[in-house]
Amino acid sequence: MELKGSIEEIIYQNEVNGYTICQIETDEESITAVRLSSFY
């Protein structure tokens, strides 16, 4: 899946492992996205 938009808000971010929850605004909607770290 590919989204095009802007990160409007970082809701939560863990500095140790990179886990992030953010709010993304697209032309059509607002989406809550979760990013899992790629390193262990």
PDB file of N, CA and C in Angstrom:
ATOM      1  N   MET A   1       0.849  -1.172   0.000  1.00  0.00           N
ATOM      2  CA  MET A   1       0.000   0.000   0.000  1.00  0.00           C
ATOM      3  C   MET A   1       0.894   1.234   0.000  1.00  0.00           C
ATOM      4  N   GLU A   2       0.535   2.204  -0.782  1.00  0.00           N
ATOM      5  CA  GLU A   2       1.275   3.465  -0.817  1.00  0.00           C
ATOM      6  C   GLU A   2       0.318   4.604  -0.527  1.00  0.00           C
ATOM      7  N   LEU A   3       0.730   5.492   0.380  1.00  0.00           N
ATOM      8  CA  LEU A   3      -0.052   6.675   0.726  1.00  0.00           C
ATOM      9  C   LEU A   3       0.758   7.918   0.409  1.00  0.00           C
ATOM     10  N   LYS A   4       0.080   8.949  -0.015  1.00  0.00           N
ATOM     11  CA  LYS A   4       0.732  10.243  -0.203  1.00  0.00           C
ATOM     12  C   LYS A   4       0.000  11.246   0.665  1.00  0.00           C
ATOM     13  N   GLY A   5       0.769  11.865   1.553  1.00  0.00           N
ATOM     14  CA  GLY A   5       0.176  12.834   2.466  1.00  0.00           C
ATOM     15  C   GLY A   5       1.240  13.436   3.352  1.00  0.00           C
ATOM     16  N   SER A   6       0.803  14.093   4.385  1.00  0.00           N
ATOM     17  CA  SER A   6       1.700  14.747   5.333  1.00  0.00           C
ATOM     18  C   SER A   6       1.458  14.218   6.728  1.00  0.00           C
ATOM     19  N   ILE A   7       2.534  14.018   7.473  1.00  0.00           N
ATOM     20  CA  ILE A   7       2.394  13.653   8.886  1.00  0.00           C
ATOM     21  C   ILE A   7       1.967  14.901   9.639  1.00  0.00           C
ATOM     22  N   GLU A   8       0.794  14.837  10.219  1.00  0.00           N
ATOM     23  CA  GLU A   8       0.241  15.985  10.939  1.00  0.00           C
ATOM     24  C   GLU A   8       0.570  15.944  12.422  1.00  0.00           C
ATOM     25  N   GLU A   9       0.719  14.749  12.975  1.00  0.00           N
ATOM     26  CA  GLU A   9       0.956  14.630  14.422  1.00  0.00           C
ATOM     27  C   GLU A   9       1.643  13.307  14.730  1.00  0.00           C
ATOM     28  N   ILE A  10       2.663  13.362  15.573  1.00  0.00           N
ATOM     29  CA  ILE A  10       3.256  12.154  16.137  1.00  0.00           C
ATOM     30  C   ILE A  10       2.495  11.895  17.435  1.00  0.00           C
ATOM     31  N   ILE A  11       1.730  10.826  17.488  1.00  0.00           N
ATOM     32  CA  ILE A  11       0.931  10.502  18.661  1.00  0.00           C
ATOM     33  C   ILE A  11       1.798   9.844  19.728  1.00  0.00           C
ATOM     34  N   TYR A  12       2.675   8.942  19.288  1.00  0.00           N
ATOM     35  CA  TYR A  12       3.568   8.237  20.212  1.00  0.00           C
ATOM     36  C   TYR A  12       4.812   7.823  19.448  1.00  0.00           C
ATOM     37  N   GLN A  13       5.983   7.953  20.084  1.00  0.00           N
ATOM     38  CA  GLN A  13       7.218   7.477  19.475  1.00  0.00           C
ATOM     39  C   GLN A  13       8.145   6.949  20.557  1.00  0.00           C
ATOM     40  N   ASN A  14       8.597   5.709  20.393  1.00  0.00           N
ATOM     41  CA  ASN A  14       9.550   5.100  21.309  1.00  0.00           C
ATOM     42  C   ASN A  14      10.944   5.338  20.739  1.00  0.00           C
ATOM     43  N   GLU A  15      11.756   6.111  21.431  1.00  0.00           N
ATOM     44  CA  GLU A  15      13.092   6.462  20.964  1.00  0.00           C
ATOM     45  C   GLU A  15      14.040   5.265  20.935  1.00  0.00           C
ATOM     46  N   VAL A  16      13.770   4.249  21.736  1.00  0.00           N
ATOM     47  CA  VAL A  16      14.665   3.095  21.831  1.00  0.00           C
ATOM     48  C   VAL A  16      14.508   2.170  20.626  1.00  0.00           C
ATOM     49  N   ASN A  17      13.266   1.841  20.258  1.00  0.00           N
ATOM     50  CA  ASN A  17      13.071   0.858  19.191  1.00  0.00           C
ATOM     51  C   ASN A  17      12.426   1.421  17.925  1.00  0.00           C
ATOM     52  N   GLY A  18      12.084   2.703  17.899  1.00  0.00           N
ATOM     53  CA  GLY A  18      11.545   3.331  16.702  1.00  0.00           C
ATOM     54  C   GLY A  18      10.062   3.142  16.456  1.00  0.00           C
ATOM     55  N   TYR A  19       9.359   2.425  17.336  1.00  0.00           N
ATOM     56  CA  TYR A  19       7.915   2.227  17.204  1.00  0.00           C
ATOM     57  C   TYR A  19       7.232   3.589  17.208  1.00  0.00           C
ATOM     58  N   THR A  20       6.414   3.856  16.188  1.00  0.00           N
ATOM     59  CA  THR A  20       5.807   5.171  16.047  1.00  0.00           C
ATOM     60  C   THR A  20       4.342   5.044  15.646  1.00  0.00           C
ATOM     61  N   ILE A  21       3.499   5.866  16.246  1.00  0.00           N
ATOM     62  CA  ILE A  21       2.104   6.019  15.846  1.00  0.00           C
ATOM     63  C   ILE A  21       1.938   7.480  15.444  1.00  0.00           C
ATOM     64  N   CYS A  22       1.401   7.698  14.239  1.00  0.00           N
ATOM     65  CA  CYS A  22       1.254   9.076  13.770  1.00  0.00           C
ATOM     66  C   CYS A  22      -0.056   9.256  13.007  1.00  0.00           C
ATOM     67  N   GLN A  23      -0.446  10.497  12.851  1.00  0.00           N
ATOM     68  CA  GLN A  23      -1.647  10.866  12.101  1.00  0.00           C
ATOM     69  C   GLN A  23      -1.195  11.415  10.758  1.00  0.00           C
ATOM     70  N   ILE A  24      -1.691  10.842   9.659  1.00  0.00           N
ATOM     71  CA  ILE A  24      -1.344  11.269   8.310  1.00  0.00           C
ATOM     72  C   ILE A  24      -2.575  11.860   7.636  1.00  0.00           C
ATOM     73  N   GLU A  25      -2.412  13.044   7.050  1.00  0.00           N
ATOM     74  CA  GLU A  25      -3.489  13.700   6.313  1.00  0.00           C
ATOM     75  C   GLU A  25      -3.236  13.524   4.821  1.00  0.00           C
ATOM     76  N   THR A  26      -4.207  12.943   4.111  1.00  0.00           N
ATOM     77  CA  THR A  26      -4.146  12.841   2.657  1.00  0.00           C
ATOM     78  C   THR A  26      -5.163  13.814   2.071  1.00  0.00           C
ATOM     79  N   ASP A  27      -5.256  13.836   0.755  1.00  0.00           N
ATOM     80  CA  ASP A  27      -6.255  14.703   0.118  1.00  0.00           C
ATOM     81  C   ASP A  27      -7.673  14.280   0.458  1.00  0.00           C
ATOM     82  N   GLU A  28      -7.855  12.997   0.774  1.00  0.00           N
ATOM     83  CA  GLU A  28      -9.204  12.476   0.981  1.00  0.00           C
ATOM     84  C   GLU A  28      -9.575  12.150   2.421  1.00  0.00           C
ATOM     85  N   GLU A  29      -8.551  11.870   3.273  1.00  0.00           N
ATOM     86  CA  GLU A  29      -8.890  11.416   4.617  1.00  0.00           C
ATOM     87  C   GLU A  29      -7.727  11.594   5.591  1.00  0.00           C
ATOM     88  N   SER A  30      -8.019  11.331   6.851  1.00  0.00           N
ATOM     89  CA  SER A  30      -7.032  11.324   7.910  1.00  0.00           C
ATOM     90  C   SER A  30      -6.827   9.873   8.354  1.00  0.00           C
ATOM     91  N   ILE A  31      -5.565   9.438   8.428  1.00  0.00           N
ATOM     92  CA  ILE A  31      -5.250   8.040   8.715  1.00  0.00           C
ATOM     93  C   ILE A  31      -4.302   7.966   9.907  1.00  0.00           C
ATOM     94  N   THR A  32      -4.558   7.030  10.805  1.00  0.00           N
ATOM     95  CA  THR A  32      -3.618   6.739  11.890  1.00  0.00           C
ATOM     96  C   THR A  32      -2.735   5.591  11.422  1.00  0.00           C
ATOM     97  N   ALA A  33      -1.432   5.811  11.446  1.00  0.00           N
ATOM     98  CA  ALA A  33      -0.477   4.818  10.937  1.00  0.00           C
ATOM     99  C   ALA A  33       0.463   4.376  12.045  1.00  0.00           C
ATOM    100  N   VAL A  34       0.912   3.122  11.956  1.00  0.00           N
ATOM    101  CA  VAL A  34       1.866   2.555  12.905  1.00  0.00           C
ATOM    102  C   VAL A  34       3.100   2.127  12.139  1.00  0.00           C
ATOM    103  N   ARG A  35       4.274   2.510  12.639  1.00  0.00           N
ATOM    104  CA  ARG A  35       5.526   2.100  12.024  1.00  0.00           C
ATOM    105  C   ARG A  35       6.270   1.235  13.035  1.00  0.00           C
ATOM    106  N   LEU A  36       6.638   0.026  12.602  1.00  0.00           N
ATOM    107  CA  LEU A  36       7.424  -0.862  13.430  1.00  0.00           C
ATOM    108  C   LEU A  36       8.875  -0.747  13.013  1.00  0.00           C
ATOM    109  N   SER A  37       9.768  -0.801  13.958  1.00  0.00           N
ATOM    110  CA  SER A  37      11.187  -0.679  13.683  1.00  0.00           C
ATOM    111  C   SER A  37      11.688  -1.843  12.833  1.00  0.00           C
ATOM    112  N   SER A  38      12.658  -1.581  11.989  1.00  0.00           N
ATOM    113  CA  SER A  38      13.223  -2.637  11.153  1.00  0.00           C
ATOM    114  C   SER A  38      14.485  -3.243  11.764  1.00  0.00           C
ATOM    115  N   PHE A  39      14.910  -2.726  12.904  1.00  0.00           N
ATOM    116  CA  PHE A  39      16.074  -3.311  13.592  1.00  0.00           C
ATOM    117  C   PHE A  39      15.645  -3.933  14.910  1.00  0.00           C
ATOM    118  N   TYR A  40      16.417  -4.874  15.396  1.00  0.00           N
ATOM    119  CA  TYR A  40      16.041  -5.618  16.606  1.00  0.00           C
ATOM    120  C   TYR A  40      17.008  -5.343  17.711  1.00  0.00           C
TER     121      TYR A  40
END
